[in-house]
Amino acid sequence: PTEAGTYPVYERFFTTTMSGINPDGTPYSDPDIPWVSYFNGGD
């Protein structure tokens, strides 16, 4: 889930690659994700 609460944006990218682990344990890597503003951990 996206954690409820209020958070400040701490990092930004015009475009970036997002990677991690899916709930089923398989890895993912999504390139060229645009207009990214991180505000809480990996959210």
PDB file of all heavy atoms in Angstrom:
ATOM      1  N   PRO A   1       0.813  -1.223   0.000  1.00  0.00           N
ATOM      2  CA  PRO A   1       0.000   0.000   0.000  1.00  0.00           C
ATOM      3  C   PRO A   1       0.843   1.268   0.000  1.00  0.00           C
ATOM      4  O   PRO A   1       2.023   1.259   0.357  1.00  0.00           O
ATOM      5  CB  PRO A   1      -0.779  -0.125   1.312  1.00  0.00           C
ATOM      6  CG  PRO A   1       0.127  -0.909   2.202  1.00  0.00           C
ATOM      7  CD  PRO A   1       0.809  -1.903   1.302  1.00  0.00           C
ATOM      8  N   THR A   2       0.214   2.348  -0.416  1.00  0.00           N
ATOM      9  CA  THR A   2       0.807   3.674  -0.272  1.00  0.00           C
ATOM     10  C   THR A   2       0.504   4.137   1.144  1.00  0.00           C
ATOM     11  O   THR A   2      -0.666   4.261   1.522  1.00  0.00           O
ATOM     12  CB  THR A   2       0.206   4.659  -1.290  1.00  0.00           C
ATOM     13  OG1 THR A   2       0.310   4.093  -2.598  1.00  0.00           O
ATOM     14  CG2 THR A   2       0.934   5.995  -1.247  1.00  0.00           C
ATOM     15  N   GLU A   3       1.541   4.397   1.928  1.00  0.00           N
ATOM     16  CA  GLU A   3       1.352   4.698   3.349  1.00  0.00           C
ATOM     17  C   GLU A   3       0.683   6.057   3.536  1.00  0.00           C
ATOM     18  O   GLU A   3       1.115   7.066   2.978  1.00  0.00           O
ATOM     19  CB  GLU A   3       2.691   4.679   4.076  1.00  0.00           C
ATOM     20  CG  GLU A   3       2.574   4.815   5.577  1.00  0.00           C
ATOM     21  CD  GLU A   3       3.897   4.657   6.295  1.00  0.00           C
ATOM     22  OE1 GLU A   3       4.888   4.290   5.628  1.00  0.00           O
ATOM     23  OE2 GLU A   3       3.945   4.917   7.506  1.00  0.00           O
ATOM     24  N   ALA A   4      -0.386   6.073   4.336  1.00  0.00           N
ATOM     25  CA  ALA A   4      -1.092   7.323   4.618  1.00  0.00           C
ATOM     26  C   ALA A   4      -0.219   8.241   5.457  1.00  0.00           C
ATOM     27  O   ALA A   4       0.602   7.799   6.266  1.00  0.00           O
ATOM     28  CB  ALA A   4      -2.406   7.034   5.331  1.00  0.00           C
ATOM     29  N   GLY A   5      -0.391   9.551   5.267  1.00  0.00           N
ATOM     30  CA  GLY A   5       0.363  10.537   6.032  1.00  0.00           C
ATOM     31  C   GLY A   5       0.736  11.707   5.153  1.00  0.00           C
ATOM     32  O   GLY A   5       0.326  11.792   3.989  1.00  0.00           O
ATOM     33  N   THR A   6       1.517  12.627   5.718  1.00  0.00           N
ATOM     34  CA  THR A   6       1.995  13.796   4.986  1.00  0.00           C
ATOM     35  C   THR A   6       3.515  13.787   4.987  1.00  0.00           C
ATOM     36  O   THR A   6       4.143  13.648   6.039  1.00  0.00           O
ATOM     37  CB  THR A   6       1.480  15.096   5.619  1.00  0.00           C
ATOM     38  OG1 THR A   6       0.046  15.108   5.558  1.00  0.00           O
ATOM     39  CG2 THR A   6       2.011  16.326   4.879  1.00  0.00           C
ATOM     40  N   TYR A   7       4.091  13.954   3.782  1.00  0.00           N
ATOM     41  CA  TYR A   7       5.531  13.808   3.612  1.00  0.00           C
ATOM     42  C   TYR A   7       6.073  14.893   2.679  1.00  0.00           C
ATOM     43  O   TYR A   7       5.395  15.298   1.736  1.00  0.00           O
ATOM     44  CB  TYR A   7       5.857  12.436   2.988  1.00  0.00           C
ATOM     45  CG  TYR A   7       5.137  11.282   3.623  1.00  0.00           C
ATOM     46  CD1 TYR A   7       3.917  10.827   3.117  1.00  0.00           C
ATOM     47  CD2 TYR A   7       5.663  10.641   4.736  1.00  0.00           C
ATOM     48  CE1 TYR A   7       3.243   9.771   3.704  1.00  0.00           C
ATOM     49  CE2 TYR A   7       5.010   9.570   5.329  1.00  0.00           C
ATOM     50  CZ  TYR A   7       3.793   9.144   4.803  1.00  0.00           C
ATOM     51  OH  TYR A   7       3.125   8.091   5.386  1.00  0.00           O
ATOM     52  N   PRO A   8       7.310  15.350   2.903  1.00  0.00           N
ATOM     53  CA  PRO A   8       7.921  16.309   1.979  1.00  0.00           C
ATOM     54  C   PRO A   8       8.636  15.606   0.821  1.00  0.00           C
ATOM     55  O   PRO A   8       9.280  14.567   1.011  1.00  0.00           O
ATOM     56  CB  PRO A   8       8.929  17.061   2.863  1.00  0.00           C
ATOM     57  CG  PRO A   8       9.287  16.079   3.931  1.00  0.00           C
ATOM     58  CD  PRO A   8       8.103  15.165   4.126  1.00  0.00           C
ATOM     59  N   VAL A   9       8.509  16.154  -0.366  1.00  0.00           N
ATOM     60  CA  VAL A   9       9.276  15.654  -1.505  1.00  0.00           C
ATOM     61  C   VAL A   9      10.761  15.810  -1.188  1.00  0.00           C
ATOM     62  O   VAL A   9      11.207  16.866  -0.732  1.00  0.00           O
ATOM     63  CB  VAL A   9       8.912  16.437  -2.782  1.00  0.00           C
ATOM     64  CG1 VAL A   9       9.890  16.104  -3.913  1.00  0.00           C
ATOM     65  CG2 VAL A   9       7.477  16.140  -3.200  1.00  0.00           C
ATOM     66  N   TYR A  10      11.534  14.739  -1.416  1.00  0.00           N
ATOM     67  CA  TYR A  10      12.953  14.790  -1.066  1.00  0.00           C
ATOM     68  C   TYR A  10      13.892  14.506  -2.235  1.00  0.00           C
ATOM     69  O   TYR A  10      15.104  14.748  -2.142  1.00  0.00           O
ATOM     70  CB  TYR A  10      13.258  13.823   0.085  1.00  0.00           C
ATOM     71  CG  TYR A  10      13.166  12.361  -0.287  1.00  0.00           C
ATOM     72  CD1 TYR A  10      14.273  11.676  -0.797  1.00  0.00           C
ATOM     73  CD2 TYR A  10      11.977  11.655  -0.136  1.00  0.00           C
ATOM     74  CE1 TYR A  10      14.189  10.339  -1.144  1.00  0.00           C
ATOM     75  CE2 TYR A  10      11.883  10.318  -0.474  1.00  0.00           C
ATOM     76  CZ  TYR A  10      13.003   9.669  -0.975  1.00  0.00           C
ATOM     77  OH  TYR A  10      12.908   8.343  -1.329  1.00  0.00           O
ATOM     78  N   GLU A  11      13.361  14.011  -3.359  1.00  0.00           N
ATOM     79  CA  GLU A  11      14.209  13.723  -4.519  1.00  0.00           C
ATOM     80  C   GLU A  11      13.345  13.746  -5.767  1.00  0.00           C
ATOM     81  O   GLU A  11      12.183  13.317  -5.734  1.00  0.00           O
ATOM     82  CB  GLU A  11      14.887  12.350  -4.364  1.00  0.00           C
ATOM     83  CG  GLU A  11      15.979  12.086  -5.367  1.00  0.00           C
ATOM     84  CD  GLU A  11      16.744  10.810  -5.068  1.00  0.00           C
ATOM     85  OE1 GLU A  11      16.171   9.898  -4.434  1.00  0.00           O
ATOM     86  OE2 GLU A  11      17.919  10.727  -5.466  1.00  0.00           O
ATOM     87  N   ARG A  12      13.920  14.229  -6.879  1.00  0.00           N
ATOM     88  CA  ARG A  12      13.136  14.389  -8.103  1.00  0.00           C
ATOM     89  C   ARG A  12      13.963  14.008  -9.324  1.00  0.00           C
ATOM     90  O   ARG A  12      15.171  14.196  -9.345  1.00  0.00           O
ATOM     91  CB  ARG A  12      12.654  15.843  -8.252  1.00  0.00           C
ATOM     92  CG  ARG A  12      11.898  16.358  -7.072  1.00  0.00           C
ATOM     93  CD  ARG A  12      11.641  17.856  -7.180  1.00  0.00           C
ATOM     94  NE  ARG A  12      10.535  18.163  -8.067  1.00  0.00           N
ATOM     95  CZ  ARG A  12      10.627  18.921  -9.162  1.00  0.00           C
ATOM     96  NH1 ARG A  12      11.790  19.414  -9.526  1.00  0.00           N
ATOM     97  NH2 ARG A  12       9.557  19.164  -9.898  1.00  0.00           N
ATOM     98  N   PHE A  13      13.269  13.492 -10.353  1.00  0.00           N
ATOM     99  CA  PHE A  13      13.916  13.149 -11.613  1.00  0.00           C
ATOM    100  C   PHE A  13      12.961  13.477 -12.758  1.00  0.00           C
ATOM    101  O   PHE A  13      11.760  13.189 -12.667  1.00  0.00           O
ATOM    102  CB  PHE A  13      14.248  11.652 -11.673  1.00  0.00           C
ATOM    103  CG  PHE A  13      15.167  11.173 -10.594  1.00  0.00           C
ATOM    104  CD1 PHE A  13      14.659  10.583  -9.442  1.00  0.00           C
ATOM    105  CD2 PHE A  13      16.542  11.304 -10.726  1.00  0.00           C
ATOM    106  CE1 PHE A  13      15.497  10.133  -8.443  1.00  0.00           C
ATOM    107  CE2 PHE A  13      17.399  10.853  -9.734  1.00  0.00           C
ATOM    108  CZ  PHE A  13      16.880  10.274  -8.589  1.00  0.00           C
ATOM    109  N   PHE A  14      13.517  14.042 -13.827  1.00  0.00           N
ATOM    110  CA  PHE A  14      12.699  14.194 -15.034  1.00  0.00           C
ATOM    111  C   PHE A  14      12.356  12.823 -15.597  1.00  0.00           C
ATOM    112  O   PHE A  14      11.261  12.604 -16.097  1.00  0.00           O
ATOM    113  CB  PHE A  14      13.444  15.028 -16.083  1.00  0.00           C
ATOM    114  CG  PHE A  14      13.490  16.485 -15.775  1.00  0.00           C
ATOM    115  CD1 PHE A  14      14.650  17.064 -15.311  1.00  0.00           C
ATOM    116  CD2 PHE A  14      12.367  17.277 -15.932  1.00  0.00           C
ATOM    117  CE1 PHE A  14      14.702  18.412 -15.021  1.00  0.00           C
ATOM    118  CE2 PHE A  14      12.398  18.627 -15.641  1.00  0.00           C
ATOM    119  CZ  PHE A  14      13.567  19.203 -15.182  1.00  0.00           C
ATOM    120  N   THR A  15      13.310  11.913 -15.500  1.00  0.00           N
ATOM    121  CA  THR A  15      13.070  10.526 -15.899  1.00  0.00           C
ATOM    122  C   THR A  15      14.063   9.632 -15.152  1.00  0.00           C
ATOM    123  O   THR A  15      15.191  10.053 -14.872  1.00  0.00           O
ATOM    124  CB  THR A  15      13.222  10.329 -17.422  1.00  0.00           C
ATOM    125  OG1 THR A  15      12.932   8.972 -17.766  1.00  0.00           O
ATOM    126  CG2 THR A  15      14.623  10.655 -17.886  1.00  0.00           C
ATOM    127  N   THR A  16      13.642   8.426 -14.814  1.00  0.00           N
ATOM    128  CA  THR A  16      14.515   7.521 -14.079  1.00  0.00           C
ATOM    129  C   THR A  16      14.061   6.080 -14.306  1.00  0.00           C
ATOM    130  O   THR A  16      12.975   5.829 -14.838  1.00  0.00           O
ATOM    131  CB  THR A  16      14.509   7.851 -12.567  1.00  0.00           C
ATOM    132  OG1 THR A  16      15.545   7.120 -11.915  1.00  0.00           O
ATOM    133  CG2 THR A  16      13.177   7.503 -11.929  1.00  0.00           C
ATOM    134  N   THR A  17      14.902   5.154 -13.885  1.00  0.00           N
ATOM    135  CA  THR A  17      14.545   3.737 -13.901  1.00  0.00           C
ATOM    136  C   THR A  17      14.108   3.332 -12.504  1.00  0.00           C
ATOM    137  O   THR A  17      14.806   3.614 -11.526  1.00  0.00           O
ATOM    138  CB  THR A  17      15.729   2.866 -14.342  1.00  0.00           C
ATOM    139  OG1 THR A  17      16.064   3.189 -15.702  1.00  0.00           O
ATOM    140  CG2 THR A  17      15.386   1.384 -14.239  1.00  0.00           C
ATOM    141  N   MET A  18      12.967   2.701 -12.402  1.00  0.00           N
ATOM    142  CA  MET A  18      12.470   2.203 -11.120  1.00  0.00           C
ATOM    143  C   MET A  18      12.593   0.685 -11.108  1.00  0.00           C
ATOM    144  O   MET A  18      12.137   0.002 -12.036  1.00  0.00           O
ATOM    145  CB  MET A  18      11.006   2.609 -10.906  1.00  0.00           C
ATOM    146  CG  MET A  18      10.823   4.079 -10.622  1.00  0.00           C
ATOM    147  SD  MET A  18       9.098   4.464 -10.208  1.00  0.00           S
ATOM    148  CE  MET A  18       9.324   6.085  -9.460  1.00  0.00           C
ATOM    149  N   SER A  19      13.211   0.159 -10.049  1.00  0.00           N
ATOM    150  CA  SER A  19      13.403  -1.285  -9.962  1.00  0.00           C
ATOM    151  C   SER A  19      13.124  -1.758  -8.550  1.00  0.00           C
ATOM    152  O   SER A  19      13.147  -0.978  -7.592  1.00  0.00           O
ATOM    153  CB  SER A  19      14.827  -1.664 -10.372  1.00  0.00           C
ATOM    154  OG  SER A  19      15.765  -0.998  -9.550  1.00  0.00           O
ATOM    155  N   GLY A  20      12.848  -3.040  -8.420  1.00  0.00           N
ATOM    156  CA  GLY A  20      12.548  -3.609  -7.114  1.00  0.00           C
ATOM    157  C   GLY A  20      12.065  -5.036  -7.256  1.00  0.00           C
ATOM    158  O   GLY A  20      12.348  -5.714  -8.252  1.00  0.00           O
ATOM    159  N   ILE A  21      11.309  -5.476  -6.271  1.00  0.00           N
ATOM    160  CA  ILE A  21      10.798  -6.848  -6.245  1.00  0.00           C
ATOM    161  C   ILE A  21       9.278  -6.826  -6.214  1.00  0.00           C
ATOM    162  O   ILE A  21       8.666  -6.122  -5.394  1.00  0.00           O
ATOM    163  CB  ILE A  21      11.330  -7.617  -5.014  1.00  0.00           C
ATOM    164  CG1 ILE A  21      12.857  -7.599  -5.003  1.00  0.00           C
ATOM    165  CG2 ILE A  21      10.807  -9.042  -5.011  1.00  0.00           C
ATOM    166  CD1 ILE A  21      13.495  -8.288  -6.190  1.00  0.00           C
ATOM    167  N   ASN A  22       8.661  -7.574  -7.101  1.00  0.00           N
ATOM    168  CA  ASN A  22       7.211  -7.718  -7.112  1.00  0.00           C
ATOM    169  C   ASN A  22       6.742  -8.532  -5.908  1.00  0.00           C
ATOM    170  O   ASN A  22       7.537  -9.268  -5.296  1.00  0.00           O
ATOM    171  CB  ASN A  22       6.761  -8.416  -8.401  1.00  0.00           C
ATOM    172  CG  ASN A  22       6.892  -7.531  -9.620  1.00  0.00           C
ATOM    173  OD1 ASN A  22       6.349  -6.429  -9.648  1.00  0.00           O
ATOM    174  ND2 ASN A  22       7.607  -8.030 -10.631  1.00  0.00           N
ATOM    175  N   PRO A  23       5.462  -8.451  -5.554  1.00  0.00           N
ATOM    176  CA  PRO A  23       4.946  -9.245  -4.437  1.00  0.00           C
ATOM    177  C   PRO A  23       5.167 -10.751  -4.592  1.00  0.00           C
ATOM    178  O   PRO A  23       5.276 -11.473  -3.589  1.00  0.00           O
ATOM    179  CB  PRO A  23       3.456  -8.894  -4.418  1.00  0.00           C
ATOM    180  CG  PRO A  23       3.386  -7.526  -5.000  1.00  0.00           C
ATOM    181  CD  PRO A  23       4.454  -7.499  -6.066  1.00  0.00           C
ATOM    182  N   ASP A  24       5.253 -11.231  -5.839  1.00  0.00           N
ATOM    183  CA  ASP A  24       5.473 -12.666  -6.048  1.00  0.00           C
ATOM    184  C   ASP A  24       6.953 -13.050  -5.999  1.00  0.00           C
ATOM    185  O   ASP A  24       7.312 -14.208  -6.242  1.00  0.00           O
ATOM    186  CB  ASP A  24       4.857 -13.118  -7.372  1.00  0.00           C
ATOM    187  CG  ASP A  24       5.492 -12.467  -8.589  1.00  0.00           C
ATOM    188  OD1 ASP A  24       6.476 -11.704  -8.425  1.00  0.00           O
ATOM    189  OD2 ASP A  24       5.005 -12.700  -9.713  1.00  0.00           O
ATOM    190  N   GLY A  25       7.819 -12.064  -5.701  1.00  0.00           N
ATOM    191  CA  GLY A  25       9.240 -12.348  -5.564  1.00  0.00           C
ATOM    192  C   GLY A  25      10.064 -12.139  -6.812  1.00  0.00           C
ATOM    193  O   GLY A  25      11.299 -12.228  -6.772  1.00  0.00           O
ATOM    194  N   THR A  26       9.437 -11.855  -7.944  1.00  0.00           N
ATOM    195  CA  THR A  26      10.174 -11.621  -9.183  1.00  0.00           C
ATOM    196  C   THR A  26      10.650 -10.176  -9.238  1.00  0.00           C
ATOM    197  O   THR A  26       9.991  -9.260  -8.737  1.00  0.00           O
ATOM    198  CB  THR A  26       9.294 -11.912 -10.411  1.00  0.00           C
ATOM    199  OG1 THR A  26       8.144 -11.034 -10.383  1.00  0.00           O
ATOM    200  CG2 THR A  26       8.830 -13.347 -10.414  1.00  0.00           C
ATOM    201  N   PRO A  27      11.812  -9.947  -9.841  1.00  0.00           N
ATOM    202  CA  PRO A  27      12.321  -8.575  -9.943  1.00  0.00           C
ATOM    203  C   PRO A  27      11.633  -7.808 -11.068  1.00  0.00           C
ATOM    204  O   PRO A  27      11.123  -8.401 -12.024  1.00  0.00           O
ATOM    205  CB  PRO A  27      13.804  -8.766 -10.243  1.00  0.00           C
ATOM    206  CG  PRO A  27      13.854 -10.073 -10.973  1.00  0.00           C
ATOM    207  CD  PRO A  27      12.772 -10.930 -10.369  1.00  0.00           C
ATOM    208  N   TYR A  28      11.627  -6.503 -10.934  1.00  0.00           N
ATOM    209  CA  TYR A  28      11.149  -5.655 -12.030  1.00  0.00           C
ATOM    210  C   TYR A  28      12.117  -4.498 -12.208  1.00  0.00           C
ATOM    211  O   TYR A  28      12.812  -4.083 -11.272  1.00  0.00           O
ATOM    212  CB  TYR A  28       9.737  -5.129 -11.772  1.00  0.00           C
ATOM    213  CG  TYR A  28       9.631  -4.104 -10.667  1.00  0.00           C
ATOM    214  CD1 TYR A  28       9.820  -2.749 -10.917  1.00  0.00           C
ATOM    215  CD2 TYR A  28       9.344  -4.496  -9.364  1.00  0.00           C
ATOM    216  CE1 TYR A  28       9.727  -1.804  -9.898  1.00  0.00           C
ATOM    217  CE2 TYR A  28       9.245  -3.559  -8.333  1.00  0.00           C
ATOM    218  CZ  TYR A  28       9.439  -2.225  -8.611  1.00  0.00           C
ATOM    219  OH  TYR A  28       9.357  -1.306  -7.603  1.00  0.00           O
ATOM    220  N   SER A  29      12.174  -3.995 -13.418  1.00  0.00           N
ATOM    221  CA  SER A  29      12.981  -2.821 -13.731  1.00  0.00           C
ATOM    222  C   SER A  29      12.279  -2.066 -14.851  1.00  0.00           C
ATOM    223  O   SER A  29      12.202  -2.551 -15.984  1.00  0.00           O
ATOM    224  CB  SER A  29      14.397  -3.223 -14.160  1.00  0.00           C
ATOM    225  OG  SER A  29      15.175  -2.074 -14.429  1.00  0.00           O
ATOM    226  N   ASP A  30      11.732  -0.896 -14.509  1.00  0.00           N
ATOM    227  CA  ASP A  30      10.964  -0.104 -15.461  1.00  0.00           C
ATOM    228  C   ASP A  30      11.770   1.144 -15.837  1.00  0.00           C
ATOM    229  O   ASP A  30      11.914   2.066 -15.018  1.00  0.00           O
ATOM    230  CB  ASP A  30       9.626   0.318 -14.860  1.00  0.00           C
ATOM    231  CG  ASP A  30       8.724  -0.870 -14.559  1.00  0.00           C
ATOM    232  OD1 ASP A  30       8.766  -1.848 -15.327  1.00  0.00           O
ATOM    233  OD2 ASP A  30       7.981  -0.817 -13.559  1.00  0.00           O
ATOM    234  N   PRO A  31      12.296   1.200 -17.062  1.00  0.00           N
ATOM    235  CA  PRO A  31      13.094   2.363 -17.468  1.00  0.00           C
ATOM    236  C   PRO A  31      12.207   3.523 -17.917  1.00  0.00           C
ATOM    237  O   PRO A  31      11.017   3.357 -18.199  1.00  0.00           O
ATOM    238  CB  PRO A  31      13.914   1.820 -18.638  1.00  0.00           C
ATOM    239  CG  PRO A  31      13.021   0.773 -19.249  1.00  0.00           C
ATOM    240  CD  PRO A  31      12.264   0.151 -18.096  1.00  0.00           C
ATOM    241  N   ASP A  32      12.805   4.696 -17.959  1.00  0.00           N
ATOM    242  CA  ASP A  32      12.176   5.888 -18.543  1.00  0.00           C
ATOM    243  C   ASP A  32      10.858   6.269 -17.873  1.00  0.00           C
ATOM    244  O   ASP A  32       9.910   6.704 -18.536  1.00  0.00           O
ATOM    245  CB  ASP A  32      11.945   5.682 -20.044  1.00  0.00           C
ATOM    246  CG  ASP A  32      13.239   5.385 -20.790  1.00  0.00           C
ATOM    247  OD1 ASP A  32      14.264   5.991 -20.448  1.00  0.00           O
ATOM    248  OD2 ASP A  32      13.211   4.533 -21.699  1.00  0.00           O
ATOM    249  N   ILE A  33      10.789   6.118 -16.544  1.00  0.00           N
ATOM    250  CA  ILE A  33       9.609   6.597 -15.816  1.00  0.00           C
ATOM    251  C   ILE A  33       9.725   8.121 -15.699  1.00  0.00           C
ATOM    252  O   ILE A  33      10.710   8.637 -15.172  1.00  0.00           O
ATOM    253  CB  ILE A  33       9.521   5.964 -14.419  1.00  0.00           C
ATOM    254  CG1 ILE A  33       9.479   4.437 -14.530  1.00  0.00           C
ATOM    255  CG2 ILE A  33       8.306   6.492 -13.664  1.00  0.00           C
ATOM    256  CD1 ILE A  33       8.290   3.911 -15.294  1.00  0.00           C
ATOM    257  N   PRO A  34       8.711   8.865 -16.178  1.00  0.00           N
ATOM    258  CA  PRO A  34       8.866  10.322 -16.238  1.00  0.00           C
ATOM    259  C   PRO A  34       8.247  11.067 -15.058  1.00  0.00           C
ATOM    260  O   PRO A  34       7.366  10.562 -14.369  1.00  0.00           O
ATOM    261  CB  PRO A  34       8.095  10.659 -17.514  1.00  0.00           C
ATOM    262  CG  PRO A  34       6.960   9.673 -17.518  1.00  0.00           C
ATOM    263  CD  PRO A  34       7.526   8.397 -16.898  1.00  0.00           C
ATOM    264  N   TRP A  35       8.767  12.295 -14.850  1.00  0.00           N
ATOM    265  CA  TRP A  35       8.177  13.272 -13.931  1.00  0.00           C
ATOM    266  C   TRP A  35       8.025  12.686 -12.518  1.00  0.00           C
ATOM    267  O   TRP A  35       6.934  12.591 -11.974  1.00  0.00           O
ATOM    268  CB  TRP A  35       6.825  13.758 -14.456  1.00  0.00           C
ATOM    269  CG  TRP A  35       6.825  14.078 -15.929  1.00  0.00           C
ATOM    270  CD1 TRP A  35       6.105  13.450 -16.894  1.00  0.00           C
ATOM    271  CD2 TRP A  35       7.575  15.102 -16.590  1.00  0.00           C
ATOM    272  NE1 TRP A  35       6.353  14.009 -18.125  1.00  0.00           N
ATOM    273  CE2 TRP A  35       7.268  15.038 -17.965  1.00  0.00           C
ATOM    274  CE3 TRP A  35       8.493  16.060 -16.162  1.00  0.00           C
ATOM    275  CZ2 TRP A  35       7.821  15.894 -18.902  1.00  0.00           C
ATOM    276  CZ3 TRP A  35       9.051  16.912 -17.096  1.00  0.00           C
ATOM    277  CH2 TRP A  35       8.713  16.832 -18.443  1.00  0.00           C
ATOM    278  N   VAL A  36       9.162  12.327 -11.925  1.00  0.00           N
ATOM    279  CA  VAL A  36       9.183  11.575 -10.666  1.00  0.00           C
ATOM    280  C   VAL A  36       9.522  12.489  -9.488  1.00  0.00           C
ATOM    281  O   VAL A  36      10.544  13.187  -9.497  1.00  0.00           O
ATOM    282  CB  VAL A  36      10.207  10.430 -10.737  1.00  0.00           C
ATOM    283  CG1 VAL A  36      10.219   9.636  -9.433  1.00  0.00           C
ATOM    284  CG2 VAL A  36       9.911   9.511 -11.927  1.00  0.00           C
ATOM    285  N   SER A  37       8.672  12.467  -8.455  1.00  0.00           N
ATOM    286  CA  SER A  37       8.936  13.192  -7.206  1.00  0.00           C
ATOM    287  C   SER A  37       8.767  12.210  -6.046  1.00  0.00           C
ATOM    288  O   SER A  37       7.639  11.849  -5.680  1.00  0.00           O
ATOM    289  CB  SER A  37       7.965  14.368  -7.041  1.00  0.00           C
ATOM    290  OG  SER A  37       8.156  15.345  -8.042  1.00  0.00           O
ATOM    291  N   TYR A  38       9.893  11.788  -5.450  1.00  0.00           N
ATOM    292  CA  TYR A  38       9.842  10.876  -4.311  1.00  0.00           C
ATOM    293  C   TYR A  38       9.459  11.646  -3.047  1.00  0.00           C
ATOM    294  O   TYR A  38      10.006  12.713  -2.760  1.00  0.00           O
ATOM    295  CB  TYR A  38      11.203  10.217  -4.093  1.00  0.00           C
ATOM    296  CG  TYR A  38      11.491   9.079  -5.038  1.00  0.00           C
ATOM    297  CD1 TYR A  38      12.235   9.287  -6.199  1.00  0.00           C
ATOM    298  CD2 TYR A  38      11.019   7.797  -4.772  1.00  0.00           C
ATOM    299  CE1 TYR A  38      12.500   8.241  -7.071  1.00  0.00           C
ATOM    300  CE2 TYR A  38      11.280   6.746  -5.636  1.00  0.00           C
ATOM    301  CZ  TYR A  38      12.020   6.971  -6.785  1.00  0.00           C
ATOM    302  OH  TYR A  38      12.270   5.925  -7.647  1.00  0.00           O
ATOM    303  N   PHE A  39       8.530  11.052  -2.258  1.00  0.00           N
ATOM    304  CA  PHE A  39       8.090  11.746  -1.050  1.00  0.00           C
ATOM    305  C   PHE A  39       8.125  10.881   0.206  1.00  0.00           C
ATOM    306  O   PHE A  39       8.101  11.423   1.314  1.00  0.00           O
ATOM    307  CB  PHE A  39       6.676  12.309  -1.244  1.00  0.00           C
ATOM    308  CG  PHE A  39       5.621  11.274  -1.540  1.00  0.00           C
ATOM    309  CD1 PHE A  39       4.940  10.641  -0.513  1.00  0.00           C
ATOM    310  CD2 PHE A  39       5.291  10.955  -2.852  1.00  0.00           C
ATOM    311  CE1 PHE A  39       3.961   9.679  -0.781  1.00  0.00           C
ATOM    312  CE2 PHE A  39       4.317  10.003  -3.137  1.00  0.00           C
ATOM    313  CZ  PHE A  39       3.647   9.360  -2.082  1.00  0.00           C
ATOM    314  N   ASN A  40       8.171   9.560   0.077  1.00  0.00           N
ATOM    315  CA  ASN A  40       8.205   8.690   1.258  1.00  0.00           C
ATOM    316  C   ASN A  40       8.865   7.383   0.892  1.00  0.00           C
ATOM    317  O   ASN A  40       8.234   6.504   0.293  1.00  0.00           O
ATOM    318  CB  ASN A  40       6.792   8.439   1.782  1.00  0.00           C
ATOM    319  CG  ASN A  40       6.772   7.538   3.005  1.00  0.00           C
ATOM    320  OD1 ASN A  40       7.676   7.593   3.841  1.00  0.00           O
ATOM    321  ND2 ASN A  40       5.745   6.711   3.126  1.00  0.00           N
ATOM    322  N   GLY A  41      10.152   7.236   1.268  1.00  0.00           N
ATOM    323  CA  GLY A  41      10.859   6.023   0.893  1.00  0.00           C
ATOM    324  C   GLY A  41      10.859   5.833  -0.609  1.00  0.00           C
ATOM    325  O   GLY A  41      11.280   6.710  -1.358  1.00  0.00           O
ATOM    326  N   GLY A  42      10.349   4.684  -1.065  1.00  0.00           N
ATOM    327  CA  GLY A  42      10.284   4.419  -2.488  1.00  0.00           C
ATOM    328  C   GLY A  42       8.998   4.881  -3.151  1.00  0.00           C
ATOM    329  O   GLY A  42       8.794   4.626  -4.338  1.00  0.00           O
ATOM    330  N   ASP A  43       8.127   5.547  -2.400  1.00  0.00           N
ATOM    331  CA  ASP A  43       6.865   6.050  -2.957  1.00  0.00           C
ATOM    332  C   ASP A  43       7.092   7.398  -3.634  1.00  0.00           C
ATOM    333  O   ASP A  43       7.726   8.291  -3.065  1.00  0.00           O
ATOM    334  CB  ASP A  43       5.805   6.205  -1.868  1.00  0.00           C
ATOM    335  CG  ASP A  43       5.397   4.882  -1.251  1.00  0.00           C
ATOM    336  OD1 ASP A  43       5.778   3.835  -1.811  1.00  0.00           O
ATOM    337  OD2 ASP A  43       4.710   4.899  -0.214  1.00  0.00           O
TER     338      ASP A  43
END
